[in-house]
Amino acid sequence: FPVTISKKMKGLKMAKILLESARVDKAGNGHCTVVEEFTKNDGSKGKTWFKVWSNTVVEVGDVVKITGTMSAKPAVDFATGQERKWTDKSGKEHTSIEVHVNDAVITKLSGNDPF
């Protein structure tokens, strides 16, 4: 997914993100989760999920274009309030990270679903 650094915004450089074609996976009041598919260096397919903060009304399955500022923070299991963890092949534990798109502008795309 393309990520660009914007010009100075209120004296700070903010990471801008553009998701050109993402599918809405979950929809909520003021936010949604989208998934974007990509091709890895080895040719296999991968998926990345983003939590998007916007008042634009979307529905699960909508294909959208999104722009906004990007942030990341540890993922939290809402049932327990604990950070979500995962273990790699060597047995080392890691904290899951959520990528957020803040102040998002969402445009619904017409055409076929790319997934």
PDB file of N, CA and C in Angstrom:
ATOM      1  N   PHE A   1       0.846  -1.177   0.000  1.00  0.00           N
ATOM      2  CA  PHE A   1       0.000   0.000   0.000  1.00  0.00           C
ATOM      3  C   PHE A   1       0.888   1.235   0.000  1.00  0.00           C
ATOM      4  N   PRO A   2       0.509   2.242  -0.754  1.00  0.00           N
ATOM      5  CA  PRO A   2       1.368   3.430  -0.829  1.00  0.00           C
ATOM      6  C   PRO A   2       1.213   4.313   0.412  1.00  0.00           C
ATOM      7  N   VAL A   3       2.330   4.726   0.962  1.00  0.00           N
ATOM      8  CA  VAL A   3       2.327   5.649   2.102  1.00  0.00           C
ATOM      9  C   VAL A   3       3.209   6.827   1.720  1.00  0.00           C
ATOM     10  N   THR A   4       2.702   8.022   1.916  1.00  0.00           N
ATOM     11  CA  THR A   4       3.481   9.209   1.603  1.00  0.00           C
ATOM     12  C   THR A   4       3.569  10.095   2.831  1.00  0.00           C
ATOM     13  N   ILE A   5       4.602  10.905   2.899  1.00  0.00           N
ATOM     14  CA  ILE A   5       4.737  11.890   3.979  1.00  0.00           C
ATOM     15  C   ILE A   5       4.256  13.225   3.424  1.00  0.00           C
ATOM     16  N   SER A   6       3.297  13.827   4.105  1.00  0.00           N
ATOM     17  CA  SER A   6       2.717  15.077   3.638  1.00  0.00           C
ATOM     18  C   SER A   6       3.631  16.255   3.951  1.00  0.00           C
ATOM     19  N   LYS A   7       3.289  17.405   3.395  1.00  0.00           N
ATOM     20  CA  LYS A   7       3.993  18.633   3.747  1.00  0.00           C
ATOM     21  C   LYS A   7       3.661  18.970   5.185  1.00  0.00           C
ATOM     22  N   LYS A   8       4.335  19.923   5.730  1.00  0.00           N
ATOM     23  CA  LYS A   8       4.119  20.261   7.135  1.00  0.00           C
ATOM     24  C   LYS A   8       2.653  20.583   7.405  1.00  0.00           C
ATOM     25  N   MET A   9       2.136  19.951   8.458  1.00  0.00           N
ATOM     26  CA  MET A   9       0.769  20.186   8.907  1.00  0.00           C
ATOM     27  C   MET A   9       0.863  20.700  10.330  1.00  0.00           C
ATOM     28  N   LYS A  10       0.545  21.952  10.533  1.00  0.00           N
ATOM     29  CA  LYS A  10       0.622  22.572  11.851  1.00  0.00           C
ATOM     30  C   LYS A  10       2.011  22.374  12.453  1.00  0.00           C
ATOM     31  N   GLY A  11       3.047  22.477  11.625  1.00  0.00           N
ATOM     32  CA  GLY A  11       4.408  22.379  12.111  1.00  0.00           C
ATOM     33  C   GLY A  11       4.950  20.968  12.232  1.00  0.00           C
ATOM     34  N   LEU A  12       4.122  19.945  11.998  1.00  0.00           N
ATOM     35  CA  LEU A  12       4.566  18.565  12.116  1.00  0.00           C
ATOM     36  C   LEU A  12       4.447  17.857  10.774  1.00  0.00           C
ATOM     37  N   LYS A  13       5.313  16.903  10.550  1.00  0.00           N
ATOM     38  CA  LYS A  13       5.162  16.063   9.370  1.00  0.00           C
ATOM     39  C   LYS A  13       4.342  14.853   9.781  1.00  0.00           C
ATOM     40  N   MET A  14       3.239  14.641   9.087  1.00  0.00           N
ATOM     41  CA  MET A  14       2.343  13.535   9.390  1.00  0.00           C
ATOM     42  C   MET A  14       2.400  12.521   8.258  1.00  0.00           C
ATOM     43  N   ALA A  15       2.328  11.247   8.597  1.00  0.00           N
ATOM     44  CA  ALA A  15       2.292  10.207   7.578  1.00  0.00           C
ATOM     45  C   ALA A  15       0.897  10.165   6.982  1.00  0.00           C
ATOM     46  N   LYS A  16       0.822  10.334   5.684  1.00  0.00           N
ATOM     47  CA  LYS A  16      -0.451  10.233   4.973  1.00  0.00           C
ATOM     48  C   LYS A  16      -0.521   8.845   4.353  1.00  0.00           C
ATOM     49  N   ILE A  17      -1.720   8.296   4.281  1.00  0.00           N
ATOM     50  CA  ILE A  17      -1.885   6.975   3.694  1.00  0.00           C
ATOM     51  C   ILE A  17      -2.994   7.029   2.652  1.00  0.00           C
ATOM     52  N   LEU A  18      -2.819   6.266   1.590  1.00  0.00           N
ATOM     53  CA  LEU A  18      -3.811   6.136   0.532  1.00  0.00           C
ATOM     54  C   LEU A  18      -4.055   4.653   0.320  1.00  0.00           C
ATOM     55  N   LEU A  19      -5.286   4.218   0.542  1.00  0.00           N
ATOM     56  CA  LEU A  19      -5.706   2.859   0.237  1.00  0.00           C
ATOM     57  C   LEU A  19      -6.555   2.957  -1.021  1.00  0.00           C
ATOM     58  N   GLU A  20      -6.032   2.465  -2.134  1.00  0.00           N
ATOM     59  CA  GLU A  20      -6.686   2.679  -3.420  1.00  0.00           C
ATOM     60  C   GLU A  20      -7.897   1.785  -3.640  1.00  0.00           C
ATOM     61  N   SER A  21      -7.899   0.603  -3.054  1.00  0.00           N
ATOM     62  CA  SER A  21      -9.022  -0.315  -3.247  1.00  0.00           C
ATOM     63  C   SER A  21      -9.055  -1.299  -2.090  1.00  0.00           C
ATOM     64  N   ALA A  22      -9.872  -0.993  -1.084  1.00  0.00           N
ATOM     65  CA  ALA A  22      -9.982  -1.838   0.104  1.00  0.00           C
ATOM     66  C   ALA A  22     -11.433  -2.263   0.265  1.00  0.00           C
ATOM     67  N   ARG A  23     -11.639  -3.438   0.847  1.00  0.00           N
ATOM     68  CA  ARG A  23     -12.992  -3.948   1.082  1.00  0.00           C
ATOM     69  C   ARG A  23     -13.344  -3.778   2.557  1.00  0.00           C
ATOM     70  N   VAL A  24     -14.551  -3.277   2.839  1.00  0.00           N
ATOM     71  CA  VAL A  24     -15.019  -3.099   4.219  1.00  0.00           C
ATOM     72  C   VAL A  24     -15.287  -4.478   4.817  1.00  0.00           C
ATOM     73  N   ASP A  25     -14.588  -4.787   5.918  1.00  0.00           N
ATOM     74  CA  ASP A  25     -14.695  -6.078   6.598  1.00  0.00           C
ATOM     75  C   ASP A  25     -15.665  -6.002   7.777  1.00  0.00           C
ATOM     76  N   LYS A  26     -15.655  -4.867   8.478  1.00  0.00           N
ATOM     77  CA  LYS A  26     -16.557  -4.615   9.608  1.00  0.00           C
ATOM     78  C   LYS A  26     -16.960  -3.150   9.554  1.00  0.00           C
ATOM     79  N   ALA A  27     -18.199  -2.862   9.916  1.00  0.00           N
ATOM     80  CA  ALA A  27     -18.672  -1.475   9.921  1.00  0.00           C
ATOM     81  C   ALA A  27     -19.274  -1.149  11.278  1.00  0.00           C
ATOM     82  N   GLY A  28     -18.949   0.048  11.783  1.00  0.00           N
ATOM     83  CA  GLY A  28     -19.469   0.487  13.069  1.00  0.00           C
ATOM     84  C   GLY A  28     -19.826   1.955  13.012  1.00  0.00           C
ATOM     85  N   ASN A  29     -20.226   2.513  14.132  1.00  0.00           N
ATOM     86  CA  ASN A  29     -20.605   3.914  14.217  1.00  0.00           C
ATOM     87  C   ASN A  29     -19.345   4.766  14.351  1.00  0.00           C
ATOM     88  N   GLY A  30     -18.955   5.472  13.280  1.00  0.00           N
ATOM     89  CA  GLY A  30     -17.784   6.338  13.321  1.00  0.00           C
ATOM     90  C   GLY A  30     -16.484   5.651  12.960  1.00  0.00           C
ATOM     91  N   HIS A  31     -16.541   4.360  12.674  1.00  0.00           N
ATOM     92  CA  HIS A  31     -15.321   3.635  12.297  1.00  0.00           C
ATOM     93  C   HIS A  31     -15.687   2.395  11.491  1.00  0.00           C
ATOM     94  N   CYS A  32     -14.689   1.846  10.820  1.00  0.00           N
ATOM     95  CA  CYS A  32     -14.850   0.574  10.132  1.00  0.00           C
ATOM     96  C   CYS A  32     -13.489  -0.100  10.058  1.00  0.00           C
ATOM     97  N   THR A  33     -13.487  -1.365   9.721  1.00  0.00           N
ATOM     98  CA  THR A  33     -12.256  -2.095   9.466  1.00  0.00           C
ATOM     99  C   THR A  33     -12.270  -2.501   8.005  1.00  0.00           C
ATOM    100  N   VAL A  34     -11.168  -2.212   7.308  1.00  0.00           N
ATOM    101  CA  VAL A  34     -11.071  -2.574   5.897  1.00  0.00           C
ATOM    102  C   VAL A  34      -9.889  -3.498   5.704  1.00  0.00           C
ATOM    103  N   VAL A  35      -9.920  -4.267   4.632  1.00  0.00           N
ATOM    104  CA  VAL A  35      -8.829  -5.165   4.288  1.00  0.00           C
ATOM    105  C   VAL A  35      -8.380  -4.850   2.871  1.00  0.00           C
ATOM    106  N   GLU A  36      -7.056  -4.803   2.702  1.00  0.00           N
ATOM    107  CA  GLU A  36      -6.487  -4.571   1.377  1.00  0.00           C
ATOM    108  C   GLU A  36      -5.585  -5.758   1.045  1.00  0.00           C
ATOM    109  N   GLU A  37      -5.760  -6.311  -0.150  1.00  0.00           N
ATOM    110  CA  GLU A  37      -4.967  -7.449  -0.588  1.00  0.00           C
ATOM    111  C   GLU A  37      -3.755  -6.953  -1.364  1.00  0.00           C
ATOM    112  N   PHE A  38      -2.627  -7.647  -1.223  1.00  0.00           N
ATOM    113  CA  PHE A  38      -1.412  -7.256  -1.925  1.00  0.00           C
ATOM    114  C   PHE A  38      -0.619  -8.499  -2.300  1.00  0.00           C
ATOM    115  N   THR A  39       0.369  -8.330  -3.167  1.00  0.00           N
ATOM    116  CA  THR A  39       1.251  -9.420  -3.569  1.00  0.00           C
ATOM    117  C   THR A  39       2.582  -9.271  -2.842  1.00  0.00           C
ATOM    118  N   LYS A  40       2.993 -10.325  -2.167  1.00  0.00           N
ATOM    119  CA  LYS A  40       4.269 -10.331  -1.443  1.00  0.00           C
ATOM    120  C   LYS A  40       5.425 -10.493  -2.428  1.00  0.00           C
ATOM    121  N   ASN A  41       6.638 -10.246  -1.949  1.00  0.00           N
ATOM    122  CA  ASN A  41       7.833 -10.363  -2.784  1.00  0.00           C
ATOM    123  C   ASN A  41       7.990 -11.755  -3.395  1.00  0.00           C
ATOM    124  N   ASP A  42       7.518 -12.785  -2.685  1.00  0.00           N
ATOM    125  CA  ASP A  42       7.645 -14.148  -3.208  1.00  0.00           C
ATOM    126  C   ASP A  42       6.515 -14.524  -4.166  1.00  0.00           C
ATOM    127  N   GLY A  43       5.605 -13.573  -4.444  1.00  0.00           N
ATOM    128  CA  GLY A  43       4.505 -13.816  -5.373  1.00  0.00           C
ATOM    129  C   GLY A  43       3.217 -14.279  -4.722  1.00  0.00           C
ATOM    130  N   SER A  44       3.266 -14.658  -3.442  1.00  0.00           N
ATOM    131  CA  SER A  44       2.047 -15.087  -2.760  1.00  0.00           C
ATOM    132  C   SER A  44       1.203 -13.872  -2.374  1.00  0.00           C
ATOM    133  N   LYS A  45      -0.054 -14.119  -2.055  1.00  0.00           N
ATOM    134  CA  LYS A  45      -0.983 -13.053  -1.690  1.00  0.00           C
ATOM    135  C   LYS A  45      -0.953 -12.810  -0.187  1.00  0.00           C
ATOM    136  N   GLY A  46      -1.138 -11.568   0.201  1.00  0.00           N
ATOM    137  CA  GLY A  46      -1.226 -11.196   1.606  1.00  0.00           C
ATOM    138  C   GLY A  46      -2.376 -10.232   1.804  1.00  0.00           C
ATOM    139  N   LYS A  47      -2.768 -10.037   3.040  1.00  0.00           N
ATOM    140  CA  LYS A  47      -3.842  -9.101   3.375  1.00  0.00           C
ATOM    141  C   LYS A  47      -3.390  -8.242   4.550  1.00  0.00           C
ATOM    142  N   THR A  48      -3.779  -6.968   4.523  1.00  0.00           N
ATOM    143  CA  THR A  48      -3.522  -6.055   5.629  1.00  0.00           C
ATOM    144  C   THR A  48      -4.843  -5.421   6.036  1.00  0.00           C
ATOM    145  N   TRP A  49      -5.102  -5.390   7.346  1.00  0.00           N
ATOM    146  CA  TRP A  49      -6.322  -4.785   7.866  1.00  0.00           C
ATOM    147  C   TRP A  49      -5.992  -3.424   8.455  1.00  0.00           C
ATOM    148  N   PHE A  50      -6.921  -2.486   8.298  1.00  0.00           N
ATOM    149  CA  PHE A  50      -6.781  -1.130   8.810  1.00  0.00           C
ATOM    150  C   PHE A  50      -8.055  -0.751   9.559  1.00  0.00           C
ATOM    151  N   LYS A  51      -7.911  -0.097  10.714  1.00  0.00           N
ATOM    152  CA  LYS A  51      -9.052   0.483  11.422  1.00  0.00           C
ATOM    153  C   LYS A  51      -9.178   1.918  10.925  1.00  0.00           C
ATOM    154  N   VAL A  52     -10.331   2.273  10.396  1.00  0.00           N
ATOM    155  CA  VAL A  52     -10.541   3.569   9.748  1.00  0.00           C
ATOM    156  C   VAL A  52     -11.554   4.377  10.555  1.00  0.00           C
ATOM    157  N   TRP A  53     -11.166   5.613  10.880  1.00  0.00           N
ATOM    158  CA  TRP A  53     -12.011   6.501  11.676  1.00  0.00           C
ATOM    159  C   TRP A  53     -12.616   7.568  10.771  1.00  0.00           C
ATOM    160  N   SER A  54     -13.942   7.480  10.566  1.00  0.00           N
ATOM    161  CA  SER A  54     -14.656   8.404   9.688  1.00  0.00           C
ATOM    162  C   SER A  54     -16.143   8.301   9.980  1.00  0.00           C
ATOM    163  N   ASN A  55     -16.864   9.365   9.744  1.00  0.00           N
ATOM    164  CA  ASN A  55     -18.320   9.341   9.900  1.00  0.00           C
ATOM    165  C   ASN A  55     -19.032   8.945   8.613  1.00  0.00           C
ATOM    166  N   THR A  56     -18.280   8.631   7.558  1.00  0.00           N
ATOM    167  CA  THR A  56     -18.888   8.169   6.313  1.00  0.00           C
ATOM    168  C   THR A  56     -19.531   6.815   6.556  1.00  0.00           C
ATOM    169  N   VAL A  57     -20.771   6.652   6.128  1.00  0.00           N
ATOM    170  CA  VAL A  57     -21.492   5.395   6.317  1.00  0.00           C
ATOM    171  C   VAL A  57     -21.075   4.407   5.225  1.00  0.00           C
ATOM    172  N   VAL A  58     -20.590   3.249   5.643  1.00  0.00           N
ATOM    173  CA  VAL A  58     -20.217   2.184   4.725  1.00  0.00           C
ATOM    174  C   VAL A  58     -20.862   0.892   5.193  1.00  0.00           C
ATOM    175  N   GLU A  59     -20.906  -0.085   4.297  1.00  0.00           N
ATOM    176  CA  GLU A  59     -21.474  -1.386   4.633  1.00  0.00           C
ATOM    177  C   GLU A  59     -20.435  -2.470   4.372  1.00  0.00           C
ATOM    178  N   VAL A  60     -20.534  -3.561   5.089  1.00  0.00           N
ATOM    179  CA  VAL A  60     -19.637  -4.690   4.884  1.00  0.00           C
ATOM    180  C   VAL A  60     -19.723  -5.110   3.420  1.00  0.00           C
ATOM    181  N   GLY A  61     -18.555  -5.278   2.804  1.00  0.00           N
ATOM    182  CA  GLY A  61     -18.493  -5.670   1.404  1.00  0.00           C
ATOM    183  C   GLY A  61     -18.271  -4.519   0.447  1.00  0.00           C
ATOM    184  N   ASP A  62     -18.503  -3.263   0.894  1.00  0.00           N
ATOM    185  CA  ASP A  62     -18.236  -2.104   0.034  1.00  0.00           C
ATOM    186  C   ASP A  62     -16.760  -2.071  -0.332  1.00  0.00           C
ATOM    187  N   VAL A  63     -16.456  -1.681  -1.569  1.00  0.00           N
ATOM    188  CA  VAL A  63     -15.083  -1.458  -1.995  1.00  0.00           C
ATOM    189  C   VAL A  63     -14.873   0.042  -1.984  1.00  0.00           C
ATOM    190  N   VAL A  64     -13.817   0.494  -1.292  1.00  0.00           N
ATOM    191  CA  VAL A  64     -13.640   1.922  -1.038  1.00  0.00           C
ATOM    192  C   VAL A  64     -12.208   2.373  -1.303  1.00  0.00           C
ATOM    193  N   LYS A  65     -12.070   3.670  -1.534  1.00  0.00           N
ATOM    194  CA  LYS A  65     -10.778   4.354  -1.588  1.00  0.00           C
ATOM    195  C   LYS A  65     -10.719   5.217  -0.337  1.00  0.00           C
ATOM    196  N   ILE A  66      -9.565   5.220   0.345  1.00  0.00           N
ATOM    197  CA  ILE A  66      -9.447   5.929   1.626  1.00  0.00           C
ATOM    198  C   ILE A  66      -8.158   6.734   1.653  1.00  0.00           C
ATOM    199  N   THR A  67      -8.253   7.973   2.133  1.00  0.00           N
ATOM    200  CA  THR A  67      -7.069   8.772   2.425  1.00  0.00           C
ATOM    201  C   THR A  67      -7.199   9.292   3.853  1.00  0.00           C
ATOM    202  N   GLY A  68      -6.061   9.482   4.503  1.00  0.00           N
ATOM    203  CA  GLY A  68      -6.077  10.011   5.863  1.00  0.00           C
ATOM    204  C   GLY A  68      -4.675   9.993   6.438  1.00  0.00           C
ATOM    205  N   THR A  69      -4.583  10.274   7.736  1.00  0.00           N
ATOM    206  CA  THR A  69      -3.293  10.208   8.417  1.00  0.00           C
ATOM    207  C   THR A  69      -3.178   8.852   9.103  1.00  0.00           C
ATOM    208  N   MET A  70      -1.979   8.319   9.136  1.00  0.00           N
ATOM    209  CA  MET A  70      -1.756   6.976   9.643  1.00  0.00           C
ATOM    210  C   MET A  70      -1.161   7.008  11.044  1.00  0.00           C
ATOM    211  N   SER A  71      -1.612   6.076  11.877  1.00  0.00           N
ATOM    212  CA  SER A  71      -1.003   5.868  13.188  1.00  0.00           C
ATOM    213  C   SER A  71      -1.059   4.371  13.489  1.00  0.00           C
ATOM    214  N   ALA A  72      -0.275   3.955  14.457  1.00  0.00           N
ATOM    215  CA  ALA A  72      -0.260   2.550  14.864  1.00  0.00           C
ATOM    216  C   ALA A  72      -0.183   2.487  16.378  1.00  0.00           C
ATOM    217  N   LYS A  73      -0.820   1.460  16.940  1.00  0.00           N
ATOM    218  CA  LYS A  73      -0.752   1.268  18.382  1.00  0.00           C
ATOM    219  C   LYS A  73      -0.975  -0.204  18.693  1.00  0.00           C
ATOM    220  N   PRO A  74      -0.607  -0.640  19.883  1.00  0.00           N
ATOM    221  CA  PRO A  74      -0.819  -2.044  20.239  1.00  0.00           C
ATOM    222  C   PRO A  74      -2.298  -2.412  20.161  1.00  0.00           C
ATOM    223  N   ALA A  75      -2.574  -3.589  19.621  1.00  0.00           N
ATOM    224  CA  ALA A  75      -3.949  -4.084  19.540  1.00  0.00           C
ATOM    225  C   ALA A  75      -4.386  -4.557  20.921  1.00  0.00           C
ATOM    226  N   VAL A  76      -5.645  -4.277  21.271  1.00  0.00           N
ATOM    227  CA  VAL A  76      -6.171  -4.647  22.580  1.00  0.00           C
ATOM    228  C   VAL A  76      -7.376  -5.560  22.396  1.00  0.00           C
ATOM    229  N   ASP A  77      -7.410  -6.633  23.163  1.00  0.00           N
ATOM    230  CA  ASP A  77      -8.564  -7.526  23.194  1.00  0.00           C
ATOM    231  C   ASP A  77      -9.611  -6.855  24.071  1.00  0.00           C
ATOM    232  N   PHE A  78     -10.733  -6.460  23.474  1.00  0.00           N
ATOM    233  CA  PHE A  78     -11.729  -5.706  24.226  1.00  0.00           C
ATOM    234  C   PHE A  78     -12.379  -6.527  25.337  1.00  0.00           C
ATOM    235  N   ALA A  79     -12.418  -7.844  25.208  1.00  0.00           N
ATOM    236  CA  ALA A  79     -13.014  -8.686  26.244  1.00  0.00           C
ATOM    237  C   ALA A  79     -12.170  -8.697  27.516  1.00  0.00           C
ATOM    238  N   THR A  80     -10.835  -8.681  27.345  1.00  0.00           N
ATOM    239  CA  THR A  80      -9.951  -8.782  28.514  1.00  0.00           C
ATOM    240  C   THR A  80      -9.251  -7.476  28.852  1.00  0.00           C
ATOM    241  N   GLY A  81      -9.183  -6.552  27.882  1.00  0.00           N
ATOM    242  CA  GLY A  81      -8.451  -5.306  28.091  1.00  0.00           C
ATOM    243  C   GLY A  81      -6.940  -5.473  27.966  1.00  0.00           C
ATOM    244  N   GLN A  82      -6.499  -6.671  27.615  1.00  0.00           N
ATOM    245  CA  GLN A  82      -5.072  -6.965  27.495  1.00  0.00           C
ATOM    246  C   GLN A  82      -4.606  -6.799  26.043  1.00  0.00           C
ATOM    247  N   GLU A  83      -3.319  -6.468  25.881  1.00  0.00           N
ATOM    248  CA  GLU A  83      -2.745  -6.400  24.541  1.00  0.00           C
ATOM    249  C   GLU A  83      -2.778  -7.784  23.907  1.00  0.00           C
ATOM    250  N   ARG A  84      -3.111  -7.830  22.591  1.00  0.00           N
ATOM    251  CA  ARG A  84      -3.113  -9.103  21.874  1.00  0.00           C
ATOM    252  C   ARG A  84      -1.677  -9.493  21.542  1.00  0.00           C
ATOM    253  N   LYS A  85      -1.370 -10.745  21.722  1.00  0.00           N
ATOM    254  CA  LYS A  85      -0.023 -11.275  21.480  1.00  0.00           C
ATOM    255  C   LYS A  85      -0.090 -12.383  20.431  1.00  0.00           C
ATOM    256  N   TRP A  86       1.064 -12.622  19.801  1.00  0.00           N
ATOM    257  CA  TRP A  86       1.205 -13.762  18.904  1.00  0.00           C
ATOM    258  C   TRP A  86       2.613 -14.313  19.035  1.00  0.00           C
ATOM    259  N   THR A  87       2.799 -15.573  18.660  1.00  0.00           N
ATOM    260  CA  THR A  87       4.083 -16.237  18.804  1.00  0.00           C
ATOM    261  C   THR A  87       4.607 -16.626  17.426  1.00  0.00           C
ATOM    262  N   ASP A  88       5.861 -16.273  17.147  1.00  0.00           N
ATOM    263  CA  ASP A  88       6.444 -16.606  15.842  1.00  0.00           C
ATOM    264  C   ASP A  88       6.937 -18.064  15.836  1.00  0.00           C
ATOM    265  N   LYS A  89       7.467 -18.499  14.697  1.00  0.00           N
ATOM    266  CA  LYS A  89       7.902 -19.890  14.522  1.00  0.00           C
ATOM    267  C   LYS A  89       8.999 -20.301  15.492  1.00  0.00           C
ATOM    268  N   SER A  90       9.793 -19.323  15.957  1.00  0.00           N
ATOM    269  CA  SER A  90      10.877 -19.649  16.892  1.00  0.00           C
ATOM    270  C   SER A  90      10.409 -19.641  18.347  1.00  0.00           C
ATOM    271  N   GLY A  91       9.131 -19.327  18.568  1.00  0.00           N
ATOM    272  CA  GLY A  91       8.587 -19.329  19.921  1.00  0.00           C
ATOM    273  C   GLY A  91       8.638 -17.980  20.620  1.00  0.00           C
ATOM    274  N   LYS A  92       9.109 -16.945  19.929  1.00  0.00           N
ATOM    275  CA  LYS A  92       9.184 -15.623  20.530  1.00  0.00           C
ATOM    276  C   LYS A  92       7.813 -14.949  20.468  1.00  0.00           C
ATOM    277  N   GLU A  93       7.403 -14.349  21.593  1.00  0.00           N
ATOM    278  CA  GLU A  93       6.106 -13.677  21.668  1.00  0.00           C
ATOM    279  C   GLU A  93       6.219 -12.219  21.223  1.00  0.00           C
ATOM    280  N   HIS A  94       5.217 -11.765  20.478  1.00  0.00           N
ATOM    281  CA  HIS A  94       5.167 -10.392  19.978  1.00  0.00           C
ATOM    282  C   HIS A  94       3.808  -9.781  20.288  1.00  0.00           C
ATOM    283  N   THR A  95       3.772  -8.449  20.364  1.00  0.00           N
ATOM    284  CA  THR A  95       2.516  -7.724  20.536  1.00  0.00           C
ATOM    285  C   THR A  95       1.956  -7.382  19.163  1.00  0.00           C
ATOM    286  N   SER A  96       0.668  -7.666  18.943  1.00  0.00           N
ATOM    287  CA  SER A  96       0.010  -7.310  17.685  1.00  0.00           C
ATOM    288  C   SER A  96      -0.172  -5.801  17.626  1.00  0.00           C
ATOM    289  N   ILE A  97      -0.033  -5.246  16.437  1.00  0.00           N
ATOM    290  CA  ILE A  97      -0.171  -3.806  16.231  1.00  0.00           C
ATOM    291  C   ILE A  97      -1.339  -3.539  15.287  1.00  0.00           C
ATOM    292  N   GLU A  98      -2.148  -2.542  15.610  1.00  0.00           N
ATOM    293  CA  GLU A  98      -3.226  -2.100  14.729  1.00  0.00           C
ATOM    294  C   GLU A  98      -2.777  -0.852  13.990  1.00  0.00           C
ATOM    295  N   VAL A  99      -3.056  -0.811  12.687  1.00  0.00           N
ATOM    296  CA  VAL A  99      -2.787   0.384  11.888  1.00  0.00           C
ATOM    297  C   VAL A  99      -4.107   1.133  11.753  1.00  0.00           C
ATOM    298  N   HIS A 100      -4.090   2.412  12.128  1.00  0.00           N
ATOM    299  CA  HIS A 100      -5.287   3.251  12.085  1.00  0.00           C
ATOM    300  C   HIS A 100      -5.152   4.301  10.989  1.00  0.00           C
ATOM    301  N   VAL A 101      -6.281   4.606  10.357  1.00  0.00           N
ATOM    302  CA  VAL A 101      -6.357   5.722   9.418  1.00  0.00           C
ATOM    303  C   VAL A 101      -7.287   6.742  10.067  1.00  0.00           C
ATOM    304  N   ASN A 102      -6.712   7.891  10.454  1.00  0.00           N
ATOM    305  CA  ASN A 102      -7.460   8.923  11.169  1.00  0.00           C
ATOM    306  C   ASN A 102      -7.923  10.017  10.210  1.00  0.00           C
ATOM    307  N   ASP A 103      -8.991  10.716  10.592  1.00  0.00           N
ATOM    308  CA  ASP A 103      -9.529  11.802   9.768  1.00  0.00           C
ATOM    309  C   ASP A 103      -9.683  11.339   8.321  1.00  0.00           C
ATOM    310  N   ALA A 104     -10.229  10.150   8.151  1.00  0.00           N
ATOM    311  CA  ALA A 104     -10.285   9.511   6.838  1.00  0.00           C
ATOM    312  C   ALA A 104     -11.361  10.115   5.943  1.00  0.00           C
ATOM    313  N   VAL A 105     -11.019  10.206   4.669  1.00  0.00           N
ATOM    314  CA  VAL A 105     -11.977  10.541   3.618  1.00  0.00           C
ATOM    315  C   VAL A 105     -12.202   9.242   2.852  1.00  0.00           C
ATOM    316  N   ILE A 106     -13.448   8.780   2.833  1.00  0.00           N
ATOM    317  CA  ILE A 106     -13.792   7.508   2.204  1.00  0.00           C
ATOM    318  C   ILE A 106     -14.635   7.774   0.973  1.00  0.00           C
ATOM    319  N   THR A 107     -14.239   7.168  -0.147  1.00  0.00           N
ATOM    320  CA  THR A 107     -14.997   7.247  -1.395  1.00  0.00           C
ATOM    321  C   THR A 107     -15.377   5.834  -1.793  1.00  0.00           C
ATOM    322  N   LYS A 108     -16.674   5.590  -1.974  1.00  0.00           N
ATOM    323  CA  LYS A 108     -17.113   4.272  -2.444  1.00  0.00           C
ATOM    324  C   LYS A 108     -16.777   4.152  -3.921  1.00  0.00           C
ATOM    325  N   LEU A 109     -16.192   3.019  -4.300  1.00  0.00           N
ATOM    326  CA  LEU A 109     -15.803   2.781  -5.682  1.00  0.00           C
ATOM    327  C   LEU A 109     -16.882   1.966  -6.398  1.00  0.00           C
ATOM    328  N   SER A 110     -17.060   2.249  -7.666  1.00  0.00           N
ATOM    329  CA  SER A 110     -17.967   1.437  -8.468  1.00  0.00           C
ATOM    330  C   SER A 110     -17.128   0.400  -9.190  1.00  0.00           C
ATOM    331  N   GLY A 111     -17.751  -0.610  -9.745  1.00  0.00           N
ATOM    332  CA  GLY A 111     -17.017  -1.638 -10.468  1.00  0.00           C
ATOM    333  C   GLY A 111     -16.998  -2.921  -9.684  1.00  0.00           C
ATOM    334  N   ASN A 112     -16.204  -3.861 -10.164  1.00  0.00           N
ATOM    335  CA  ASN A 112     -16.145  -5.186  -9.572  1.00  0.00           C
ATOM    336  C   ASN A 112     -15.310  -5.205  -8.307  1.00  0.00           C
ATOM    337  N   ASP A 113     -15.713  -6.074  -7.382  1.00  0.00           N
ATOM    338  CA  ASP A 113     -14.951  -6.307  -6.163  1.00  0.00           C
ATOM    339  C   ASP A 113     -13.613  -6.946  -6.547  1.00  0.00           C
ATOM    340  N   PRO A 114     -12.469  -6.375  -6.138  1.00  0.00           N
ATOM    341  CA  PRO A 114     -11.175  -6.921  -6.545  1.00  0.00           C
ATOM    342  C   PRO A 114     -10.800  -8.209  -5.821  1.00  0.00           C
ATOM    343  N   PHE A 115     -11.576  -8.642  -4.843  1.00  0.00           N
ATOM    344  CA  PHE A 115     -11.199  -9.836  -4.069  1.00  0.00           C
ATOM    345  C   PHE A 115     -11.930 -11.032  -4.572  1.00  0.00           C
TER     346      PHE A 115
END
